Amino acid sequence: MGQIYGGHLVAKALKEMEGVSTVFSLSGDHIDRIYDGFFEYGIRIVDDRHEQAAA
């Protein structure tokens, strides 16, 4: 049995329970596992490099 990471559980919950199809994010190493989950569950990521640019 393979490992299940918390980030994959986050993505699964967002997709299946909340119907999320797109997320806006600031990338970083601390959320790599969540990004992996987003890719696995087909959630689109809009990556912003700066908080002010995102607003």
N, C-alpha and C. Protein backbone atom coordinates (compact mmCIF):
# COMPACT_ATOMS: atom_id res chain seq x y z
N MET A 1 0.84 -1.18 0.00
CA MET A 1 0.00 0.00 0.00
C MET A 1 0.89 1.24 0.00
N GLY A 2 0.57 2.20 -0.87
CA GLY A 2 1.34 3.43 -0.97
C GLY A 2 1.01 4.39 0.15
N GLN A 3 1.88 5.38 0.30
CA GLN A 3 1.65 6.39 1.32
C GLN A 3 0.62 7.41 0.84
N ILE A 4 -0.17 7.88 1.78
CA ILE A 4 -1.12 8.95 1.49
C ILE A 4 -0.65 10.17 2.27
N TYR A 5 -0.38 11.25 1.55
CA TYR A 5 0.10 12.47 2.19
C TYR A 5 -1.08 13.38 2.53
N GLY A 6 -0.88 14.19 3.55
CA GLY A 6 -1.92 15.12 3.97
C GLY A 6 -2.36 16.06 2.87
N GLY A 7 -1.41 16.47 2.03
CA GLY A 7 -1.74 17.35 0.92
C GLY A 7 -2.73 16.74 -0.05
N HIS A 8 -2.63 15.43 -0.24
CA HIS A 8 -3.57 14.74 -1.12
C HIS A 8 -4.95 14.69 -0.49
N LEU A 9 -4.98 14.55 0.83
CA LEU A 9 -6.27 14.57 1.53
C LEU A 9 -6.92 15.95 1.45
N VAL A 10 -6.10 16.99 1.53
CA VAL A 10 -6.62 18.36 1.38
C VAL A 10 -7.23 18.54 0.00
N ALA A 11 -6.51 18.12 -1.03
CA ALA A 11 -7.00 18.26 -2.40
C ALA A 11 -8.27 17.44 -2.62
N LYS A 12 -8.29 16.24 -2.09
CA LYS A 12 -9.47 15.38 -2.24
C LYS A 12 -10.69 16.02 -1.58
N ALA A 13 -10.51 16.54 -0.38
CA ALA A 13 -11.62 17.19 0.32
C ALA A 13 -12.12 18.42 -0.43
N LEU A 14 -11.20 19.23 -0.93
CA LEU A 14 -11.60 20.43 -1.67
C LEU A 14 -12.38 20.05 -2.93
N LYS A 15 -11.92 19.03 -3.63
CA LYS A 15 -12.56 18.63 -4.89
C LYS A 15 -13.90 17.95 -4.65
N GLU A 16 -13.91 16.94 -3.78
CA GLU A 16 -15.10 16.11 -3.61
C GLU A 16 -16.15 16.72 -2.68
N MET A 17 -15.71 17.43 -1.65
CA MET A 17 -16.68 17.95 -0.67
C MET A 17 -17.11 19.38 -0.98
N GLU A 18 -16.20 20.15 -1.56
CA GLU A 18 -16.49 21.57 -1.79
C GLU A 18 -16.65 21.93 -3.26
N GLY A 19 -16.30 21.01 -4.16
CA GLY A 19 -16.44 21.27 -5.59
C GLY A 19 -15.44 22.26 -6.16
N VAL A 20 -14.29 22.41 -5.50
CA VAL A 20 -13.27 23.36 -5.94
C VAL A 20 -12.62 22.87 -7.23
N SER A 21 -12.50 23.75 -8.21
CA SER A 21 -11.84 23.38 -9.47
C SER A 21 -10.60 24.22 -9.73
N THR A 22 -10.46 25.37 -9.05
CA THR A 22 -9.32 26.27 -9.23
C THR A 22 -8.92 26.83 -7.87
N VAL A 23 -7.61 26.91 -7.63
CA VAL A 23 -7.10 27.54 -6.42
C VAL A 23 -6.09 28.61 -6.80
N PHE A 24 -6.01 29.65 -5.99
CA PHE A 24 -5.02 30.71 -6.15
C PHE A 24 -4.01 30.54 -5.03
N SER A 25 -2.74 30.61 -5.36
CA SER A 25 -1.72 30.25 -4.39
C SER A 25 -0.43 31.03 -4.59
N LEU A 26 0.34 31.09 -3.52
CA LEU A 26 1.72 31.55 -3.57
C LEU A 26 2.57 30.31 -3.37
N SER A 27 3.38 29.96 -4.35
CA SER A 27 4.11 28.71 -4.29
C SER A 27 5.22 28.74 -3.25
N GLY A 28 5.62 27.54 -2.84
CA GLY A 28 6.70 27.38 -1.89
C GLY A 28 6.88 25.91 -1.56
N ASP A 29 8.05 25.58 -1.06
CA ASP A 29 8.34 24.18 -0.74
C ASP A 29 7.40 23.60 0.32
N HIS A 30 6.91 24.44 1.18
CA HIS A 30 6.07 23.98 2.28
C HIS A 30 4.71 23.44 1.82
N ILE A 31 4.31 23.71 0.58
CA ILE A 31 3.02 23.20 0.11
C ILE A 31 3.14 22.30 -1.12
N ASP A 32 4.32 21.76 -1.35
CA ASP A 32 4.53 20.87 -2.50
C ASP A 32 3.58 19.68 -2.51
N ARG A 33 3.36 19.07 -1.36
CA ARG A 33 2.47 17.89 -1.30
C ARG A 33 1.03 18.26 -1.64
N ILE A 34 0.62 19.45 -1.25
CA ILE A 34 -0.73 19.90 -1.60
C ILE A 34 -0.82 20.10 -3.11
N TYR A 35 0.21 20.70 -3.71
CA TYR A 35 0.24 20.85 -5.17
C TYR A 35 0.17 19.49 -5.86
N ASP A 36 0.89 18.51 -5.35
CA ASP A 36 0.82 17.15 -5.91
C ASP A 36 -0.62 16.65 -5.89
N GLY A 37 -1.30 16.89 -4.78
CA GLY A 37 -2.70 16.48 -4.67
C GLY A 37 -3.59 17.22 -5.65
N PHE A 38 -3.33 18.51 -5.84
CA PHE A 38 -4.11 19.27 -6.81
C PHE A 38 -3.96 18.69 -8.20
N PHE A 39 -2.74 18.34 -8.58
CA PHE A 39 -2.51 17.73 -9.90
C PHE A 39 -3.23 16.40 -9.99
N GLU A 40 -3.16 15.59 -8.93
CA GLU A 40 -3.80 14.28 -8.93
C GLU A 40 -5.31 14.38 -9.10
N TYR A 41 -5.92 15.38 -8.49
CA TYR A 41 -7.37 15.53 -8.53
C TYR A 41 -7.86 16.51 -9.58
N GLY A 42 -6.97 16.98 -10.43
CA GLY A 42 -7.36 17.84 -11.54
C GLY A 42 -7.78 19.24 -11.13
N ILE A 43 -7.23 19.75 -10.05
CA ILE A 43 -7.53 21.09 -9.60
C ILE A 43 -6.52 22.05 -10.22
N ARG A 44 -7.01 23.06 -10.88
CA ARG A 44 -6.14 24.04 -11.56
C ARG A 44 -5.52 24.98 -10.53
N ILE A 45 -4.23 25.26 -10.69
CA ILE A 45 -3.51 26.15 -9.79
C ILE A 45 -3.17 27.44 -10.53
N VAL A 46 -3.57 28.58 -9.96
CA VAL A 46 -3.16 29.88 -10.48
C VAL A 46 -2.12 30.39 -9.48
N ASP A 47 -0.87 30.41 -9.91
CA ASP A 47 0.23 30.76 -9.04
C ASP A 47 0.56 32.23 -9.17
N ASP A 48 0.53 32.92 -8.04
CA ASP A 48 0.93 34.32 -8.00
C ASP A 48 2.24 34.40 -7.24
N ARG A 49 3.13 35.24 -7.69
CA ARG A 49 4.45 35.34 -7.05
C ARG A 49 4.52 36.43 -5.99
N HIS A 50 3.47 37.26 -5.89
CA HIS A 50 3.50 38.34 -4.92
C HIS A 50 2.08 38.64 -4.47
N GLU A 51 1.91 38.85 -3.17
CA GLU A 51 0.57 39.07 -2.60
C GLU A 51 -0.13 40.27 -3.23
N GLN A 52 0.57 41.36 -3.47
CA GLN A 52 -0.06 42.55 -4.03
C GLN A 52 -0.49 42.32 -5.48
N ALA A 53 0.28 41.55 -6.22
CA ALA A 53 -0.10 41.23 -7.60
C ALA A 53 -1.33 40.34 -7.63
N ALA A 54 -1.49 39.49 -6.66
CA ALA A 54 -2.64 38.58 -6.60
C ALA A 54 -3.94 39.35 -6.37
N ALA A 55 -3.85 40.42 -5.58
CA ALA A 55 -5.05 41.20 -5.27
C ALA A 55 -5.49 41.97 -6.50
